[in-house]
Amino acid sequence: MFELDREFVELNQLLKLVGLCDSGGAGKALVASGTVLVDGHVELRKTAKIRAGQRVAAQGIEIQVIDAAG
């Protein structure tokens, strides 16, 4: 689970923030590999805007994005 404290987070940055990769650049490479799913669909846009309520899956891990404000 990832608590979002703003309107959105870019996909490559989310992958870095949750520890699935070491840097934003590595996050971009992971997205480019075609193995990252957003709401069950392959997402190839490295800087796709991820908002509260969405689910991201990569490397066998699913991240539910929730609104930090509640």
N, C-alpha and C. Protein backbone atom coordinates (compact mmCIF):
# COMPACT_ATOMS: atom_id res chain seq x y z
N MET A 1 0.85 -1.18 0.00
CA MET A 1 0.00 0.00 0.00
C MET A 1 0.89 1.24 0.00
N PHE A 2 0.50 2.22 -0.78
CA PHE A 2 1.26 3.47 -0.87
C PHE A 2 0.30 4.62 -0.60
N GLU A 3 0.64 5.46 0.37
CA GLU A 3 -0.19 6.62 0.69
C GLU A 3 0.25 7.81 -0.16
N LEU A 4 -0.66 8.30 -0.98
CA LEU A 4 -0.39 9.41 -1.89
C LEU A 4 -0.71 10.72 -1.19
N ASP A 5 0.28 11.61 -1.09
CA ASP A 5 0.08 12.88 -0.39
C ASP A 5 -0.06 14.06 -1.35
N ARG A 6 -0.32 13.76 -2.61
CA ARG A 6 -0.51 14.80 -3.63
C ARG A 6 -1.51 14.28 -4.65
N GLU A 7 -1.75 15.03 -5.72
CA GLU A 7 -2.76 14.63 -6.70
C GLU A 7 -2.39 13.34 -7.42
N PHE A 8 -1.11 13.20 -7.78
CA PHE A 8 -0.65 12.01 -8.49
C PHE A 8 0.84 11.82 -8.27
N VAL A 9 1.33 10.64 -8.64
CA VAL A 9 2.76 10.35 -8.64
C VAL A 9 3.06 9.69 -9.98
N GLU A 10 4.20 10.03 -10.57
CA GLU A 10 4.57 9.41 -11.85
C GLU A 10 4.94 7.95 -11.59
N LEU A 11 4.57 7.10 -12.52
CA LEU A 11 4.74 5.66 -12.36
C LEU A 11 6.18 5.28 -12.03
N ASN A 12 7.15 5.80 -12.76
CA ASN A 12 8.55 5.43 -12.49
C ASN A 12 8.98 5.86 -11.09
N GLN A 13 8.47 6.99 -10.60
CA GLN A 13 8.80 7.45 -9.26
C GLN A 13 8.12 6.58 -8.20
N LEU A 14 6.90 6.14 -8.46
CA LEU A 14 6.21 5.26 -7.53
C LEU A 14 7.00 3.97 -7.33
N LEU A 15 7.49 3.41 -8.43
CA LEU A 15 8.27 2.17 -8.34
C LEU A 15 9.52 2.37 -7.49
N LYS A 16 10.12 3.55 -7.60
CA LYS A 16 11.29 3.86 -6.78
C LYS A 16 10.88 4.06 -5.31
N LEU A 17 9.81 4.79 -5.07
CA LEU A 17 9.39 5.11 -3.71
C LEU A 17 8.99 3.86 -2.91
N VAL A 18 8.47 2.86 -3.57
CA VAL A 18 8.07 1.64 -2.85
C VAL A 18 9.20 0.61 -2.80
N GLY A 19 10.34 0.94 -3.39
CA GLY A 19 11.51 0.08 -3.28
C GLY A 19 11.64 -1.02 -4.32
N LEU A 20 10.85 -0.95 -5.39
CA LEU A 20 10.97 -1.96 -6.44
C LEU A 20 12.17 -1.73 -7.36
N CYS A 21 12.73 -0.52 -7.29
CA CYS A 21 13.94 -0.22 -8.05
C CYS A 21 14.71 0.87 -7.31
N ASP A 22 15.97 1.04 -7.70
CA ASP A 22 16.86 1.94 -6.97
C ASP A 22 16.76 3.41 -7.38
N SER A 23 16.23 3.66 -8.59
CA SER A 23 16.20 5.04 -9.08
C SER A 23 15.04 5.22 -10.04
N GLY A 24 14.76 6.48 -10.35
CA GLY A 24 13.72 6.77 -11.33
C GLY A 24 14.08 6.20 -12.69
N GLY A 25 15.37 6.23 -13.02
CA GLY A 25 15.83 5.67 -14.29
C GLY A 25 15.59 4.17 -14.36
N ALA A 26 15.85 3.49 -13.26
CA ALA A 26 15.59 2.04 -13.20
C ALA A 26 14.09 1.79 -13.29
N GLY A 27 13.30 2.69 -12.72
CA GLY A 27 11.84 2.58 -12.82
C GLY A 27 11.39 2.71 -14.26
N LYS A 28 11.99 3.64 -14.99
CA LYS A 28 11.65 3.81 -16.41
C LYS A 28 11.98 2.55 -17.19
N ALA A 29 13.13 1.93 -16.88
CA ALA A 29 13.53 0.70 -17.57
C ALA A 29 12.55 -0.43 -17.26
N LEU A 30 12.11 -0.50 -16.00
CA LEU A 30 11.16 -1.53 -15.61
C LEU A 30 9.85 -1.36 -16.37
N VAL A 31 9.37 -0.13 -16.47
CA VAL A 31 8.13 0.14 -17.21
C VAL A 31 8.33 -0.22 -18.68
N ALA A 32 9.46 0.17 -19.25
CA ALA A 32 9.73 -0.10 -20.67
C ALA A 32 9.78 -1.59 -20.97
N SER A 33 10.09 -2.41 -19.95
CA SER A 33 10.17 -3.85 -20.16
C SER A 33 8.80 -4.49 -20.41
N GLY A 34 7.73 -3.74 -20.14
CA GLY A 34 6.38 -4.25 -20.40
C GLY A 34 5.85 -5.15 -19.32
N THR A 35 6.47 -5.13 -18.14
CA THR A 35 6.05 -6.02 -17.05
C THR A 35 5.29 -5.31 -15.94
N VAL A 36 5.02 -4.02 -16.12
CA VAL A 36 4.30 -3.26 -15.10
C VAL A 36 2.83 -3.13 -15.52
N LEU A 37 1.95 -3.48 -14.59
CA LEU A 37 0.52 -3.37 -14.85
C LEU A 37 -0.08 -2.26 -14.00
N VAL A 38 -0.98 -1.50 -14.59
CA VAL A 38 -1.76 -0.50 -13.86
C VAL A 38 -3.22 -0.87 -14.06
N ASP A 39 -3.90 -1.14 -12.96
CA ASP A 39 -5.29 -1.58 -12.99
C ASP A 39 -5.48 -2.77 -13.92
N GLY A 40 -4.50 -3.69 -13.92
CA GLY A 40 -4.61 -4.92 -14.69
C GLY A 40 -4.18 -4.86 -16.14
N HIS A 41 -3.73 -3.70 -16.59
CA HIS A 41 -3.32 -3.53 -17.98
C HIS A 41 -1.86 -3.12 -18.06
N VAL A 42 -1.14 -3.63 -19.06
CA VAL A 42 0.26 -3.25 -19.25
C VAL A 42 0.33 -1.74 -19.48
N GLU A 43 1.22 -1.08 -18.75
CA GLU A 43 1.43 0.37 -18.89
C GLU A 43 2.84 0.62 -19.39
N LEU A 44 2.97 1.26 -20.53
CA LEU A 44 4.29 1.53 -21.11
C LEU A 44 4.69 3.00 -21.00
N ARG A 45 3.80 3.85 -20.50
CA ARG A 45 4.14 5.26 -20.31
C ARG A 45 4.89 5.39 -18.99
N LYS A 46 6.16 5.71 -19.07
CA LYS A 46 7.02 5.73 -17.89
C LYS A 46 6.57 6.76 -16.86
N THR A 47 6.01 7.86 -17.32
CA THR A 47 5.59 8.91 -16.39
C THR A 47 4.06 9.00 -16.31
N ALA A 48 3.39 7.87 -16.50
CA ALA A 48 1.93 7.84 -16.35
C ALA A 48 1.56 8.36 -14.97
N LYS A 49 0.51 9.15 -14.90
CA LYS A 49 0.08 9.72 -13.63
C LYS A 49 -0.76 8.70 -12.87
N ILE A 50 -0.26 8.29 -11.72
CA ILE A 50 -0.94 7.30 -10.89
C ILE A 50 -1.64 8.05 -9.76
N ARG A 51 -2.93 7.81 -9.63
CA ARG A 51 -3.75 8.53 -8.64
C ARG A 51 -4.30 7.55 -7.61
N ALA A 52 -4.79 8.10 -6.51
CA ALA A 52 -5.40 7.28 -5.46
C ALA A 52 -6.51 6.42 -6.05
N GLY A 53 -6.58 5.19 -5.59
CA GLY A 53 -7.60 4.26 -6.08
C GLY A 53 -7.07 3.31 -7.13
N GLN A 54 -5.89 3.58 -7.67
CA GLN A 54 -5.33 2.71 -8.70
C GLN A 54 -4.46 1.63 -8.06
N ARG A 55 -4.26 0.55 -8.82
CA ARG A 55 -3.40 -0.55 -8.39
C ARG A 55 -2.29 -0.73 -9.42
N VAL A 56 -1.08 -0.88 -8.93
CA VAL A 56 0.08 -1.09 -9.77
C VAL A 56 0.70 -2.43 -9.38
N ALA A 57 1.03 -3.25 -10.37
CA ALA A 57 1.66 -4.55 -10.10
C ALA A 57 2.95 -4.65 -10.89
N ALA A 58 4.00 -5.12 -10.22
CA ALA A 58 5.30 -5.33 -10.87
C ALA A 58 6.10 -6.31 -10.03
N GLN A 59 6.82 -7.17 -10.69
CA GLN A 59 7.72 -8.13 -10.04
C GLN A 59 7.01 -8.93 -8.94
N GLY A 60 5.76 -9.29 -9.21
CA GLY A 60 5.02 -10.11 -8.27
C GLY A 60 4.45 -9.37 -7.07
N ILE A 61 4.57 -8.05 -7.07
CA ILE A 61 4.08 -7.24 -5.95
C ILE A 61 2.98 -6.31 -6.46
N GLU A 62 1.88 -6.25 -5.71
CA GLU A 62 0.80 -5.33 -6.05
C GLU A 62 0.77 -4.18 -5.07
N ILE A 63 0.69 -2.97 -5.61
CA ILE A 63 0.67 -1.76 -4.80
C ILE A 63 -0.70 -1.11 -4.94
N GLN A 64 -1.39 -0.95 -3.84
CA GLN A 64 -2.65 -0.21 -3.85
C GLN A 64 -2.33 1.21 -3.46
N VAL A 65 -2.72 2.16 -4.30
CA VAL A 65 -2.45 3.57 -4.04
C VAL A 65 -3.66 4.16 -3.34
N ILE A 66 -3.45 4.72 -2.15
CA ILE A 66 -4.55 5.30 -1.41
C ILE A 66 -4.27 6.78 -1.11
N ASP A 67 -5.31 7.50 -0.81
CA ASP A 67 -5.21 8.93 -0.49
C ASP A 67 -4.77 9.07 0.97
N ALA A 68 -3.65 9.73 1.19
CA ALA A 68 -3.12 9.91 2.54
C ALA A 68 -4.07 10.73 3.40
N ALA A 69 -4.88 11.58 2.77
CA ALA A 69 -5.80 12.43 3.51
C ALA A 69 -7.00 11.64 4.05
N GLY A 70 -7.14 10.43 3.58
CA GLY A 70 -8.24 9.60 4.07
C GLY A 70 -9.30 9.50 3.05
